[in-house]
């Protein structure tokens, strides 16, 4: 029956809105809505008086549709917290819809419980060049190992998170999706691969999942529901709603003559309500370099003032390419879209050759493509339509909120290099170094990282952070000092030169003197003929490192994933085998157990 003003108590505007909503609801959604409205009316009828004028509890016994059959398990593979955050949000929504839900990090999930799983949802990010995140390694290896069980009884769906600028985009999610099918599980919703701007595709995937789960499973049962609680409205700052913050301080941490430029940035969070913990990151939204934007527009033979439409707003091409779109990274999806606008044979040959494509796109930008592979058949609007929005750049937070209330500090290494005779500039790092000053504003949000956290105050910690990788450990030590934590703290730091590159030197030495920092070992690779790195310093103290681990220490690594983190990992394995008198396999099992106990944590990039 269609609602009309004449057959209902609603106004003409309300009837129009209700009919629009009802027309798009499934049968099960209408049943659920009926129960929900019944609950709302019952609760609003509210508190009734009994003897002594004492109000009855606001809990009402109502008839509402709930799921009585399906048990949902949501497992997440998350390095920085995005997959974990989505999983918890999806879990709460499914619980509200009446399902029994278990949300777990893959590292906390007991693999033998797979035999009892009915419906499995996997939300998986991909780390680095196609590797699973640290908290998913053991589960991933199990699923691809000989002990993986048949999963004919399981229905599953996978959501992949990734970054299309990497060659192995969303590989971890794709791997899980394919392997679950090989083990006999039945896919009930197709996998969706999300780029950095994942909110909309993730929401559509979850809507499809929820609709499938609700099919034929909703029934009327009597349950007890509490009255809704009215919460104070608070502003939550996020990727979709960043906070505009003022720069309080900007310092170059490197000395004169250094090959590097490392900026210490202090940012005000006063009255924002933003909180964070040591180990979290601060995301900063940059803008593109104006000279690069002008060069690109000239090479395109476009007019900078031409209007284009972006998200239903009309702005100039110059504004779009400066503030909104990414022009410095050549991802495979963007390059494939560009291919639709050129018949240049060399360009299409580049797209078809994986190694050639990888070699060409490394370190180059859109200006290179436009100058090398024209002519193109696009106009201003079709050009911006194929671009990806500028992603925020994430930096490990280098301060403790307890030590610096209403502030957040970050440590940013400036990126500059040359390709084909043209200097290339890191988008965010050089904006901070060259164009931002004290008093300027930046758009930021906190990216929480549950996989890189301090342990209890009495637990010893070993921190390995060369270069800007030392940033989170400054936060760790500040926090432990403020808390009066009694656990021992050992830092390994490395860089090129002692005189110019010892980041936060006076602070570390002060903490060492006061006893907050128990041990400090440094490696400066360019001060002697023989290069010495942090892994060499770690190996030098092998016996003591192993002793600390046996005492329950947590081992942290932050910094370069391609070289340093690999070398430190291998050194740690060698120490465990040597000092613990273990075989290679036993050492790997020991390290896997450290990871499982959250005693081996990495934030590498």
Protein backbone atom coordinates (compact mmCIF):
# COMPACT_ATOMS: atom_id res chain seq x y z
CA UNK A 1 0.00 0.00 0.00
CA UNK A 2 1.32 3.41 -0.94
CA UNK A 3 1.19 6.09 1.72
CA UNK A 4 -0.98 9.14 1.04
CA UNK A 5 -1.71 12.22 3.09
CA UNK A 6 -5.34 11.09 3.18
CA UNK A 7 -4.64 7.62 4.61
CA UNK A 8 -1.91 8.49 7.13
CA UNK A 9 -1.08 11.03 9.86
CA UNK A 10 1.93 12.38 7.91
CA UNK A 11 2.47 15.67 6.13
CA UNK A 12 2.88 15.80 2.35
CA UNK A 13 6.68 16.18 2.70
CA UNK A 14 6.88 13.26 5.16
CA UNK A 15 4.78 11.04 2.87
CA UNK A 16 7.09 11.78 -0.04
CA UNK A 17 10.22 10.96 1.99
CA UNK A 18 8.74 7.77 3.45
CA UNK A 19 7.60 6.48 0.06
CA UNK A 20 11.08 7.07 -1.36
CA UNK A 21 12.67 5.12 1.50
CA UNK A 22 10.15 2.26 1.49
CA UNK A 23 10.49 1.75 -2.25
CA UNK A 24 14.19 0.87 -1.81
CA UNK A 25 13.84 -1.52 1.16
CA UNK A 26 13.97 -5.30 0.90
CA UNK A 27 11.31 -7.46 2.55
CA UNK A 28 13.63 -8.32 5.44
CA UNK A 29 14.57 -4.68 5.96
CA UNK A 30 10.89 -3.75 6.22
CA UNK A 31 10.36 -6.46 8.84
CA UNK A 32 13.35 -5.18 10.81
CA UNK A 33 12.10 -1.59 10.59
CA UNK A 34 8.70 -2.66 11.91
CA UNK A 35 10.33 -4.13 15.01
CA UNK A 36 12.58 -1.13 15.47
CA UNK A 37 9.68 1.33 15.35
CA UNK A 38 7.72 -0.82 17.79
CA UNK A 39 10.67 -0.68 20.18
CA UNK A 40 10.98 3.09 19.82
CA UNK A 41 7.28 3.60 20.58
CA UNK A 42 7.42 1.24 23.57
CA UNK A 43 10.42 3.01 25.05
CA UNK A 44 9.04 6.48 24.37
CA UNK A 45 5.92 5.52 26.23
CA UNK A 46 8.63 5.64 28.78
CA UNK A 47 8.71 5.60 32.46
CA UNK A 48 5.43 4.84 34.18
CA UNK A 49 4.85 5.31 37.89
CA UNK A 50 4.13 2.55 40.33
CA UNK A 51 3.69 2.62 44.11
CA UNK A 52 5.93 5.21 45.72
CA UNK A 53 6.21 7.08 42.41
CA UNK A 54 9.35 5.10 41.53
CA UNK A 55 9.89 4.94 37.77
CA UNK A 56 9.88 1.59 36.05
CA UNK A 57 13.17 0.62 34.35
CA UNK A 58 13.52 2.01 30.86
CA UNK A 59 14.05 -1.53 29.58
CA UNK A 60 11.07 -2.70 27.54
CA UNK A 61 10.09 -6.19 26.48
CA UNK A 62 9.31 -5.87 22.81
CA UNK A 63 8.86 -7.92 19.71
CA UNK A 64 11.72 -7.28 17.32
CA UNK A 65 13.30 -9.20 14.46
CA UNK A 66 16.62 -10.83 15.24
CA UNK A 67 18.79 -13.44 13.63
CA UNK A 68 18.65 -16.71 15.50
CA UNK A 69 20.81 -18.93 13.26
CA UNK A 70 23.92 -17.32 11.82
CA UNK A 71 27.17 -16.79 13.70
CA UNK A 72 29.51 -14.36 11.98
CA UNK A 73 33.29 -14.36 12.39
CA UNK A 74 35.16 -11.26 11.21
CA UNK A 75 38.95 -11.56 10.96
CA UNK A 76 41.14 -8.63 10.07
CA UNK A 77 44.68 -8.32 8.74
CA UNK A 78 45.72 -4.81 9.66
CA UNK A 79 49.05 -2.98 9.78
CA UNK A 80 47.98 0.57 10.59
CA UNK A 81 44.47 0.01 11.93
CA UNK A 82 42.22 0.68 8.93
CA UNK A 83 41.13 -2.94 8.44
CA UNK A 84 40.68 -3.37 12.19
CA UNK A 85 38.58 -0.23 12.46
CA UNK A 86 36.30 -1.29 9.62
CA UNK A 87 35.92 -4.79 11.06
CA UNK A 88 34.85 -3.50 14.45
CA UNK A 89 32.38 -1.09 12.86
CA UNK A 90 30.90 -3.85 10.69
CA UNK A 91 30.74 -6.13 13.71
CA UNK A 92 28.74 -3.61 15.73
CA UNK A 93 26.28 -3.11 12.87
CA UNK A 94 25.75 -6.85 12.52
CA UNK A 95 25.20 -7.19 16.27
CA UNK A 96 22.56 -4.46 16.08
CA UNK A 97 20.92 -6.44 13.29
CA UNK A 98 20.63 -9.42 15.65
CA UNK A 99 23.60 -11.59 14.62
CA UNK A 100 26.08 -13.24 16.92
CA UNK A 101 29.44 -11.76 15.93
CA UNK A 102 33.06 -12.43 16.83
CA UNK A 103 35.56 -9.79 15.65
CA UNK A 104 39.22 -10.70 15.97
CA UNK A 105 42.67 -9.83 14.76
CA UNK A 106 44.13 -12.76 12.83
CA UNK A 107 46.98 -12.92 15.36
CA UNK A 108 44.49 -13.52 18.19
CA UNK A 109 42.34 -16.07 16.35
CA UNK A 110 42.89 -19.74 17.16
CA UNK A 111 43.20 -21.52 13.84
CA UNK A 112 41.53 -24.71 15.08
CA UNK A 113 38.38 -22.64 15.57
CA UNK A 114 38.03 -22.47 11.77
CA UNK A 115 36.29 -25.84 11.94
CA UNK A 116 33.47 -24.22 13.90
CA UNK A 117 33.13 -21.12 11.74
CA UNK A 118 29.85 -20.73 9.82
CA UNK A 119 30.13 -17.41 8.02
CA UNK A 120 33.56 -15.80 7.68
CA UNK A 121 34.26 -12.19 6.73
CA UNK A 122 37.86 -11.18 6.07
CA UNK A 123 39.01 -7.57 5.92
CA UNK A 124 42.64 -7.56 4.80
CA UNK A 125 45.14 -4.84 4.09
CA UNK A 126 48.36 -5.47 2.15
CA UNK A 127 51.74 -4.42 3.50
CA UNK A 128 54.66 -3.32 1.35
CA UNK A 129 55.16 -5.31 -1.84
CA UNK A 130 52.26 -7.72 -1.45
CA UNK A 131 53.08 -9.12 1.99
CA UNK A 132 50.47 -9.77 4.67
CA UNK A 133 50.54 -7.41 7.67
CA UNK A 134 52.53 -8.60 10.68
CA UNK A 135 49.38 -9.51 12.63
CA UNK A 136 48.28 -11.84 9.79
CA UNK A 137 51.52 -13.69 8.98
CA UNK A 138 50.89 -16.77 11.14
CA UNK A 139 47.25 -17.14 10.04
CA UNK A 140 48.27 -16.60 6.40
CA UNK A 141 50.99 -19.25 6.64
CA UNK A 142 48.57 -21.67 8.32
CA UNK A 143 45.94 -21.21 5.63
CA UNK A 144 48.51 -21.86 2.90
CA UNK A 145 50.18 -24.70 4.79
CA UNK A 146 49.65 -28.45 4.91
CA UNK A 147 47.64 -28.24 8.15
CA UNK A 148 44.90 -26.05 6.63
CA UNK A 149 41.54 -27.85 7.02
CA UNK A 150 38.80 -28.39 4.47
CA UNK A 151 36.33 -25.53 4.77
CA UNK A 152 33.36 -26.90 2.82
CA UNK A 153 31.04 -25.76 5.64
CA UNK A 154 32.18 -22.12 5.48
CA UNK A 155 30.60 -19.27 3.55
CA UNK A 156 32.90 -16.31 3.16
CA UNK A 157 33.43 -12.80 1.78
CA UNK A 158 36.64 -10.78 1.51
CA UNK A 159 37.24 -7.03 1.54
CA UNK A 160 40.74 -5.97 0.44
CA UNK A 161 42.42 -2.68 1.32
CA UNK A 162 45.47 -1.47 -0.57
CA UNK A 163 47.28 1.25 -2.45
CA UNK A 164 47.14 1.09 -6.25
CA UNK A 165 50.51 2.83 -6.54
CA UNK A 166 52.08 -0.49 -5.47
CA UNK A 167 52.56 -3.29 -7.98
CA UNK A 168 50.88 -5.98 -5.87
CA UNK A 169 47.71 -4.03 -5.17
CA UNK A 170 45.47 -5.74 -2.55
CA UNK A 171 47.45 -8.98 -2.90
CA UNK A 172 46.83 -10.23 0.64
CA UNK A 173 43.05 -9.99 0.24
CA UNK A 174 43.24 -11.64 -3.17
CA UNK A 175 45.34 -14.45 -1.71
CA UNK A 176 42.86 -15.10 1.09
CA UNK A 177 39.95 -15.02 -1.35
CA UNK A 178 41.54 -17.58 -3.68
CA UNK A 179 42.82 -19.88 -0.92
CA UNK A 180 39.51 -20.03 0.94
CA UNK A 181 37.86 -21.13 -2.29
CA UNK A 182 40.55 -23.77 -2.85
CA UNK A 183 39.87 -25.12 0.65
CA UNK A 184 36.22 -25.60 -0.26
CA UNK A 185 34.64 -22.50 1.26
CA UNK A 186 31.77 -20.90 -0.66
CA UNK A 187 31.96 -17.21 -1.57
CA UNK A 188 28.60 -15.53 -0.88
CA UNK A 189 29.66 -11.98 -1.85
CA UNK A 190 32.36 -11.14 -4.41
CA UNK A 191 35.61 -9.67 -3.18
CA UNK A 192 36.01 -5.89 -3.45
CA UNK A 193 39.48 -4.32 -3.78
CA UNK A 194 39.68 -0.83 -2.29
CA UNK A 195 42.24 1.89 -2.95
CA UNK A 196 43.22 4.48 -0.34
CA UNK A 197 39.83 6.19 -0.62
CA UNK A 198 38.06 3.08 0.64
CA UNK A 199 34.97 4.34 2.51
CA UNK A 200 32.38 4.15 -0.28
CA UNK A 201 33.37 0.79 -1.84
CA UNK A 202 33.77 -0.75 1.63
CA UNK A 203 30.30 0.44 2.63
CA UNK A 204 28.77 -1.01 -0.56
CA UNK A 205 30.51 -4.33 0.06
CA UNK A 206 29.21 -4.47 3.60
CA UNK A 207 25.66 -3.59 2.50
CA UNK A 208 25.80 -6.54 0.08
CA UNK A 209 27.14 -8.79 2.85
CA UNK A 210 24.45 -7.76 5.31
CA UNK A 211 21.68 -8.21 2.76
CA UNK A 212 22.88 -11.74 1.94
CA UNK A 213 23.19 -12.62 5.60
CA UNK A 214 19.66 -11.44 6.30
CA UNK A 215 18.05 -13.40 3.49
CA UNK A 216 15.52 -15.78 4.99
CA UNK A 217 17.02 -15.47 8.44
CA UNK A 218 14.89 -12.83 10.15
CA UNK A 219 12.15 -13.96 12.50
CA UNK A 220 10.01 -12.35 15.17
CA UNK A 221 11.14 -13.23 18.68
CA UNK A 222 10.70 -11.49 22.00
CA UNK A 223 13.83 -9.89 23.37
CA UNK A 224 14.74 -7.34 26.02
CA UNK A 225 15.98 -4.02 24.66
CA UNK A 226 17.25 -1.05 26.58
CA UNK A 227 16.04 2.46 25.86
CA UNK A 228 18.30 4.41 23.52
CA UNK A 229 20.90 6.59 25.21
CA UNK A 230 21.24 10.16 24.01
CA UNK A 231 24.92 10.99 23.69
CA UNK A 232 26.48 14.41 23.55
CA UNK A 233 27.42 15.35 20.01
CA UNK A 234 31.18 15.34 19.46
CA UNK A 235 33.20 16.03 16.34
CA UNK A 236 35.27 13.09 15.18
CA UNK A 237 38.17 14.08 12.98
CA UNK A 238 39.16 11.54 10.34
CA UNK A 239 40.33 11.09 6.76
CA UNK A 240 36.92 12.33 5.60
CA UNK A 241 36.85 15.13 8.13
CA UNK A 242 40.41 16.31 8.93
CA UNK A 243 41.20 18.89 11.60
CA UNK A 244 42.77 22.19 10.53
CA UNK A 245 45.66 22.68 12.94
CA UNK A 246 48.21 25.43 13.49
CA UNK A 247 51.97 24.87 13.31
CA UNK A 248 53.61 25.90 16.61
CA UNK A 249 57.25 25.06 15.90
CA UNK A 250 59.43 23.93 13.00
CA UNK A 251 63.07 22.88 13.46
CA UNK A 252 65.64 21.27 11.15
CA UNK A 253 67.16 18.54 13.31
CA UNK A 254 70.22 18.02 11.09
CA UNK A 255 73.38 20.05 11.51
CA UNK A 256 75.10 22.20 8.90
CA UNK A 257 76.75 20.11 6.20
CA UNK A 258 74.42 17.14 6.55
CA UNK A 259 73.22 15.27 3.47
CA UNK A 260 69.79 15.14 5.06
CA UNK A 261 67.03 17.50 6.14
CA UNK A 262 64.80 16.22 8.94
CA UNK A 263 62.03 18.50 10.14
CA UNK A 264 60.69 18.41 13.70
CA UNK A 265 57.15 19.80 13.52
CA UNK A 266 55.00 20.75 16.52
CA UNK A 267 51.27 21.14 15.85
CA UNK A 268 48.52 22.49 18.07
CA UNK A 269 45.51 20.30 18.91
CA UNK A 270 44.06 22.79 21.40
CA UNK A 271 40.26 22.49 21.81
CA UNK A 272 40.10 19.77 19.11
CA UNK A 273 39.35 16.89 21.46
CA UNK A 274 41.83 14.77 19.47
CA UNK A 275 43.62 12.10 21.48
CA UNK A 276 46.31 9.58 20.59
CA UNK A 277 48.65 7.04 22.15
CA UNK A 278 52.36 6.39 21.66
CA UNK A 279 52.70 4.31 18.51
CA UNK A 280 49.94 6.11 16.59
CA UNK A 281 50.57 8.16 13.45
CA UNK A 282 49.57 11.64 12.34
CA UNK A 283 48.23 11.90 8.79
CA UNK A 284 48.83 15.20 6.99
CA UNK A 285 47.03 16.21 3.80
CA UNK A 286 49.52 17.95 1.50
CA UNK A 287 49.07 20.12 -1.56
CA UNK A 288 51.04 19.76 -4.77
CA UNK A 289 53.98 21.99 -5.62
CA UNK A 290 52.74 25.02 -7.56
CA UNK A 291 55.63 24.98 -10.05
CA UNK A 292 54.93 21.32 -10.89
CA UNK A 293 51.22 22.06 -11.34
CA UNK A 294 51.97 24.98 -13.67
CA UNK A 295 54.41 22.87 -15.71
CA UNK A 296 51.85 20.09 -16.04
CA UNK A 297 49.07 22.45 -17.19
CA UNK A 298 51.43 24.00 -19.76
CA UNK A 299 52.49 20.59 -21.08
CA UNK A 300 48.82 19.59 -21.38
CA UNK A 301 48.12 22.82 -23.30
CA UNK A 302 45.18 23.47 -20.94
CA UNK A 303 43.90 26.72 -19.47
CA UNK A 304 44.53 26.90 -15.73
CA UNK A 305 41.27 28.80 -15.19
CA UNK A 306 39.03 26.30 -17.00
CA UNK A 307 36.29 25.08 -14.67
CA UNK A 308 36.03 21.39 -13.81
CA UNK A 309 33.55 19.52 -11.64
CA UNK A 310 34.85 17.60 -8.65
CA UNK A 311 32.45 15.99 -6.16
CA UNK A 312 29.59 18.18 -7.41
CA UNK A 313 31.64 21.34 -6.94
CA UNK A 314 32.92 23.58 -9.72
CA UNK A 315 36.51 24.74 -9.31
CA UNK A 316 39.38 25.82 -11.54
CA UNK A 317 41.72 23.26 -13.09
CA UNK A 318 44.63 24.86 -11.20
CA UNK A 319 42.84 24.43 -7.88
CA UNK A 320 41.91 20.82 -8.66
CA UNK A 321 45.48 19.85 -9.56
CA UNK A 322 46.96 21.73 -6.59
CA UNK A 323 44.65 20.75 -3.76
CA UNK A 324 42.75 17.60 -4.71
CA UNK A 325 44.41 15.25 -7.20
CA UNK A 326 47.59 13.21 -7.09
CA UNK A 327 50.02 14.09 -9.89
CA UNK A 328 53.33 12.67 -8.60
CA UNK A 329 52.59 8.92 -8.53
CA UNK A 330 52.00 6.72 -11.59
CA UNK A 331 49.75 3.90 -10.41
CA UNK A 332 48.74 1.07 -12.76
CA UNK A 333 45.00 1.99 -12.75
CA UNK A 334 45.73 5.62 -13.65
CA UNK A 335 48.17 4.62 -16.41
CA UNK A 336 45.60 2.19 -17.85
CA UNK A 337 43.03 4.98 -17.95
CA UNK A 338 45.53 7.25 -19.67
CA UNK A 339 45.91 4.53 -22.30
CA UNK A 340 42.32 5.17 -23.41
CA UNK A 341 43.35 8.66 -24.55
CA UNK A 342 46.44 7.90 -26.62
CA UNK A 343 47.38 5.62 -29.51
CA UNK A 344 51.08 6.06 -28.79
CA UNK A 345 52.62 2.62 -29.41
CA UNK A 346 55.46 3.10 -26.94
CA UNK A 347 52.99 3.90 -24.17
CA UNK A 348 50.93 0.77 -24.80
CA UNK A 349 54.10 -1.31 -25.01
CA UNK A 350 55.03 0.11 -21.60
CA UNK A 351 51.68 -0.96 -20.16
CA UNK A 352 52.10 -4.48 -21.50
CA UNK A 353 55.62 -5.08 -20.11
CA UNK A 354 55.56 -5.57 -16.32
CA UNK A 355 59.28 -4.99 -15.71
CA UNK A 356 59.47 -2.03 -18.10
CA UNK A 357 56.40 -0.50 -16.48
CA UNK A 358 57.86 -0.91 -12.99
CA UNK A 359 61.17 0.60 -14.05
CA UNK A 360 59.59 3.58 -15.84
CA UNK A 361 57.03 4.53 -13.18
CA UNK A 362 59.50 4.44 -10.28
CA UNK A 363 60.25 8.05 -9.35
CA UNK A 364 58.43 9.61 -12.31
CA UNK A 365 55.22 11.64 -12.43
CA UNK A 366 52.37 12.74 -14.72
CA UNK A 367 54.47 15.50 -16.28
CA UNK A 368 56.87 12.83 -17.59
CA UNK A 369 53.98 10.92 -19.18
CA UNK A 370 52.42 13.98 -20.79
CA UNK A 371 55.75 15.15 -22.22
CA UNK A 372 56.76 11.69 -23.50
CA UNK A 373 53.65 9.98 -24.86
CA UNK A 374 51.36 12.55 -26.49
CA UNK A 375 49.23 13.49 -28.23
CA UNK A 376 46.22 12.81 -26.00
CA UNK A 377 42.54 13.13 -26.85
CA UNK A 378 41.32 14.33 -23.46
CA UNK A 379 39.95 17.67 -22.28
CA UNK A 380 40.30 19.23 -18.83
CA UNK A 381 37.32 17.39 -17.33
CA UNK A 382 38.15 13.94 -18.70
CA UNK A 383 41.75 14.40 -17.53
CA UNK A 384 40.85 15.10 -13.89
CA UNK A 385 38.26 12.31 -13.99
CA UNK A 386 40.98 9.69 -14.36
CA UNK A 387 43.11 10.93 -11.45
CA UNK A 388 43.23 9.67 -7.88
CA UNK A 389 42.82 12.06 -4.97
CA UNK A 390 45.92 13.02 -3.00
CA UNK A 391 46.25 10.62 -0.07
CA UNK A 392 47.34 11.90 3.31
CA UNK A 393 50.94 11.15 4.30
CA UNK A 394 51.32 9.36 7.62
CA UNK A 395 54.13 10.08 10.07
CA UNK A 396 54.87 8.32 13.36
CA UNK A 397 53.96 10.61 16.23
CA UNK A 398 57.08 11.61 18.17
CA UNK A 399 55.48 13.06 21.31
CA UNK A 400 53.40 11.92 24.27
CA UNK A 401 50.08 13.60 24.99
CA UNK A 402 50.89 13.24 28.69
CA UNK A 403 54.13 15.19 28.23
CA UNK A 404 52.76 17.75 25.74
CA UNK A 405 49.00 18.22 26.27
CA UNK A 406 47.16 19.81 23.32
CA UNK A 407 50.12 19.19 20.99
CA UNK A 408 51.36 16.56 18.57
CA UNK A 409 54.93 16.31 17.23
CA UNK A 410 56.11 14.56 14.07
CA UNK A 411 59.55 13.93 12.58
CA UNK A 412 59.67 14.26 8.78
CA UNK A 413 62.57 13.33 6.50
CA UNK A 414 62.61 15.60 3.45
CA UNK A 415 62.60 13.73 0.12
CA UNK A 416 64.48 15.18 -2.86
CA UNK A 417 65.97 13.29 -5.81
CA UNK A 418 66.67 13.67 -9.52
CA UNK A 419 65.34 11.69 -12.50
CA UNK A 420 66.03 12.57 -16.16
CA UNK A 421 67.74 15.80 -15.15
CA UNK A 422 64.69 17.16 -13.28
CA UNK A 423 64.54 17.47 -9.48
CA UNK A 424 61.70 15.57 -7.84
CA UNK A 425 60.20 16.65 -4.54
CA UNK A 426 58.39 14.65 -1.90
CA UNK A 427 54.87 16.11 -1.91
CA UNK A 428 54.34 16.51 1.82
CA UNK A 429 57.91 16.57 3.11
CA UNK A 430 59.01 19.45 0.88
CA UNK A 431 55.79 21.35 1.48
CA UNK A 432 56.64 21.21 5.18
CA UNK A 433 60.31 22.01 4.64
CA UNK A 434 60.00 24.71 1.98
CA UNK A 435 56.55 26.27 2.11
CA UNK A 436 55.10 25.99 5.61
CA UNK A 437 56.08 28.18 8.53
CA UNK A 438 55.07 28.72 12.16
CA UNK A 439 51.47 29.96 12.24
CA UNK A 440 50.46 28.22 9.00
CA UNK A 441 47.68 25.63 9.03
CA UNK A 442 47.65 21.98 7.98
CA UNK A 443 44.80 19.45 7.73
CA UNK A 444 45.45 16.43 9.93
CA UNK A 445 43.91 13.41 11.60
CA UNK A 446 45.23 10.67 13.88
CA UNK A 447 45.71 7.17 12.46
CA UNK A 448 45.54 4.81 15.43
CA UNK A 449 47.88 1.82 15.30
CA UNK A 450 46.85 -0.98 17.67
CA UNK A 451 49.77 -3.10 16.45
CA UNK A 452 52.51 -0.83 17.83
CA UNK A 453 51.84 -0.14 21.48
CA UNK A 454 53.68 0.10 24.78
CA UNK A 455 53.36 -2.85 27.17
CA UNK A 456 52.73 -2.67 30.92
CA UNK A 457 54.92 -0.21 32.84
CA UNK A 458 57.17 -2.90 34.35
CA UNK A 459 57.96 -4.65 31.04
CA UNK A 460 61.40 -4.00 29.50
CA UNK A 461 61.50 -2.74 25.91
CA UNK A 462 64.12 -2.79 23.15
CA UNK A 463 63.68 -0.13 20.46
CA UNK A 464 65.39 -0.15 17.06
CA UNK A 465 64.83 3.10 15.16
CA UNK A 466 67.46 4.47 12.77
CA UNK A 467 66.82 7.82 11.07
CA UNK A 468 63.25 9.06 11.35
CA UNK A 469 62.37 5.57 12.63
CA UNK A 470 63.33 6.91 16.05
CA UNK A 471 60.21 9.12 16.14
CA UNK A 472 57.77 6.80 17.98
CA UNK A 473 60.43 5.92 20.55
CA UNK A 474 60.70 9.56 21.60
CA UNK A 475 56.97 9.27 22.27
CA UNK A 476 57.51 5.98 24.14
CA UNK A 477 60.18 7.41 26.45
CA UNK A 478 58.23 10.62 27.12
CA UNK A 479 55.20 8.52 28.05
CA UNK A 480 57.18 6.19 30.31
CA UNK A 481 58.82 9.15 32.03
CA UNK A 482 55.44 10.78 32.70
CA UNK A 483 54.00 7.51 34.02
CA UNK A 484 57.00 6.74 36.20
CA UNK A 485 57.24 3.35 34.47
CA UNK A 486 59.84 1.02 36.01
CA UNK A 487 60.47 -1.16 32.94
CA UNK A 488 63.96 -0.96 31.40
CA UNK A 489 64.35 0.89 28.07
CA UNK A 490 67.07 0.17 25.47
CA UNK A 491 67.40 2.21 22.27
CA UNK A 492 69.38 1.42 19.12
CA UNK A 493 69.71 4.47 16.85
CA UNK A 494 71.62 4.91 13.62
CA UNK A 495 72.23 7.46 10.86
CA UNK A 496 75.05 8.75 8.66
CA UNK A 497 77.15 11.11 10.83
CA UNK A 498 77.38 11.66 14.59
CA UNK A 499 78.02 15.40 14.30
CA UNK A 500 75.12 16.26 11.97
CA UNK A 501 72.56 13.45 12.09
CA UNK A 502 72.10 12.41 15.75
CA UNK A 503 68.38 13.22 15.93
CA UNK A 504 67.18 14.43 19.36
CA UNK A 505 70.71 13.84 20.73
CA UNK A 506 70.45 16.03 23.83
CA UNK A 507 67.11 14.49 24.80
CA UNK A 508 68.43 10.91 24.62
CA UNK A 509 71.51 11.86 26.61
CA UNK A 510 69.39 13.59 29.23
CA UNK A 511 67.13 10.54 29.59
CA UNK A 512 70.21 8.31 29.79
CA UNK A 513 71.62 10.46 32.59
CA UNK A 514 68.34 10.48 34.53
CA UNK A 515 67.91 6.71 34.17
CA UNK A 516 64.69 6.84 32.15
CA UNK A 517 66.68 5.41 29.24
CA UNK A 518 68.58 2.36 30.49
CA UNK A 519 70.87 1.77 27.51
CA UNK A 520 71.67 3.66 24.30
CA UNK A 521 73.64 2.19 21.38
CA UNK A 522 74.31 4.22 18.23
CA UNK A 523 75.65 3.40 14.76
CA UNK A 524 76.85 6.13 12.38
CA UNK A 525 77.55 4.50 9.04
CA UNK A 526 79.63 7.20 7.32
CA UNK A 527 82.00 8.18 10.14
CA UNK A 528 84.39 5.27 9.54
CA UNK A 529 85.72 3.44 6.51
CA UNK A 530 83.79 0.33 7.54
CA UNK A 531 80.06 1.01 7.57
CA UNK A 532 78.31 0.13 10.81
CA UNK A 533 74.51 -0.20 11.01
CA UNK A 534 72.08 -0.89 13.84
CA UNK A 535 71.99 -4.63 13.12
CA UNK A 536 75.75 -4.78 13.79
CA UNK A 537 75.26 -3.09 17.18
CA UNK A 538 72.44 -5.52 17.98
CA UNK A 539 74.63 -8.52 17.10
CA UNK A 540 77.42 -7.12 19.30
CA UNK A 541 75.08 -7.34 22.30
CA UNK A 542 73.61 -10.72 21.36
CA UNK A 543 73.83 -12.32 24.80
CA UNK A 544 72.20 -9.37 26.56
CA UNK A 545 69.51 -9.01 23.89
CA UNK A 546 68.54 -12.66 24.38
CA UNK A 547 68.61 -12.23 28.16
CA UNK A 548 66.18 -9.31 27.91
CA UNK A 549 63.89 -11.35 25.64
CA UNK A 550 63.92 -14.20 28.16
CA UNK A 551 62.95 -11.64 30.81
CA UNK A 552 59.86 -10.75 28.78
CA UNK A 553 61.10 -7.72 26.84
CA UNK A 554 59.14 -6.38 23.86
CA UNK A 555 61.25 -5.83 20.71
CA UNK A 556 60.24 -2.88 18.48
CA UNK A 557 61.46 -1.96 14.99
CA UNK A 558 60.55 1.24 13.14
CA UNK A 559 61.85 2.54 9.81
CA UNK A 560 62.87 1.28 6.38
CA UNK A 561 61.20 -2.05 5.52
CA UNK A 562 63.28 -2.99 2.48
CA UNK A 563 66.76 -3.11 4.00
CA UNK A 564 66.98 -2.22 7.68
CA UNK A 565 63.95 -4.17 8.90
CA UNK A 566 65.02 -7.28 6.95
CA UNK A 567 68.58 -7.09 8.30
CA UNK A 568 67.37 -6.59 11.88
CA UNK A 569 64.91 -9.48 11.54
CA UNK A 570 67.63 -11.83 10.29
CA UNK A 571 70.03 -10.67 13.02
CA UNK A 572 67.38 -11.31 15.66
CA UNK A 573 66.79 -14.83 14.32
CA UNK A 574 70.54 -15.48 14.42
CA UNK A 575 70.77 -14.26 18.03
CA UNK A 576 67.84 -16.45 19.12
CA UNK A 577 69.38 -19.51 17.47
CA UNK A 578 72.90 -18.82 18.75
CA UNK A 579 72.14 -17.72 22.29
CA UNK A 580 69.22 -20.08 22.79
CA UNK A 581 71.03 -23.07 21.25
CA UNK A 582 68.17 -23.55 18.80
CA UNK A 583 67.86 -24.79 15.24
CA UNK A 584 66.79 -22.40 12.48
CA UNK A 585 63.24 -23.75 12.64
CA UNK A 586 63.15 -23.47 16.44
CA UNK A 587 64.39 -19.87 16.22
CA UNK A 588 61.64 -19.03 13.73
CA UNK A 589 59.05 -20.62 16.02
CA UNK A 590 60.43 -18.58 18.96
CA UNK A 591 60.13 -15.37 16.97
CA UNK A 592 56.64 -16.32 15.77
CA UNK A 593 55.65 -16.78 19.39
CA UNK A 594 57.05 -13.35 20.26
CA UNK A 595 54.90 -11.90 17.50
CA UNK A 596 51.84 -13.80 18.76
CA UNK A 597 52.44 -12.46 22.28
CA UNK A 598 52.79 -8.94 20.80
CA UNK A 599 56.42 -8.90 21.92
CA UNK A 600 57.80 -8.37 18.40
CA UNK A 601 56.18 -5.27 16.91
CA UNK A 602 57.15 -3.45 13.73
CA UNK A 603 56.14 -0.17 12.13
CA UNK A 604 58.05 -0.32 8.85
CA UNK A 605 57.53 1.50 5.58
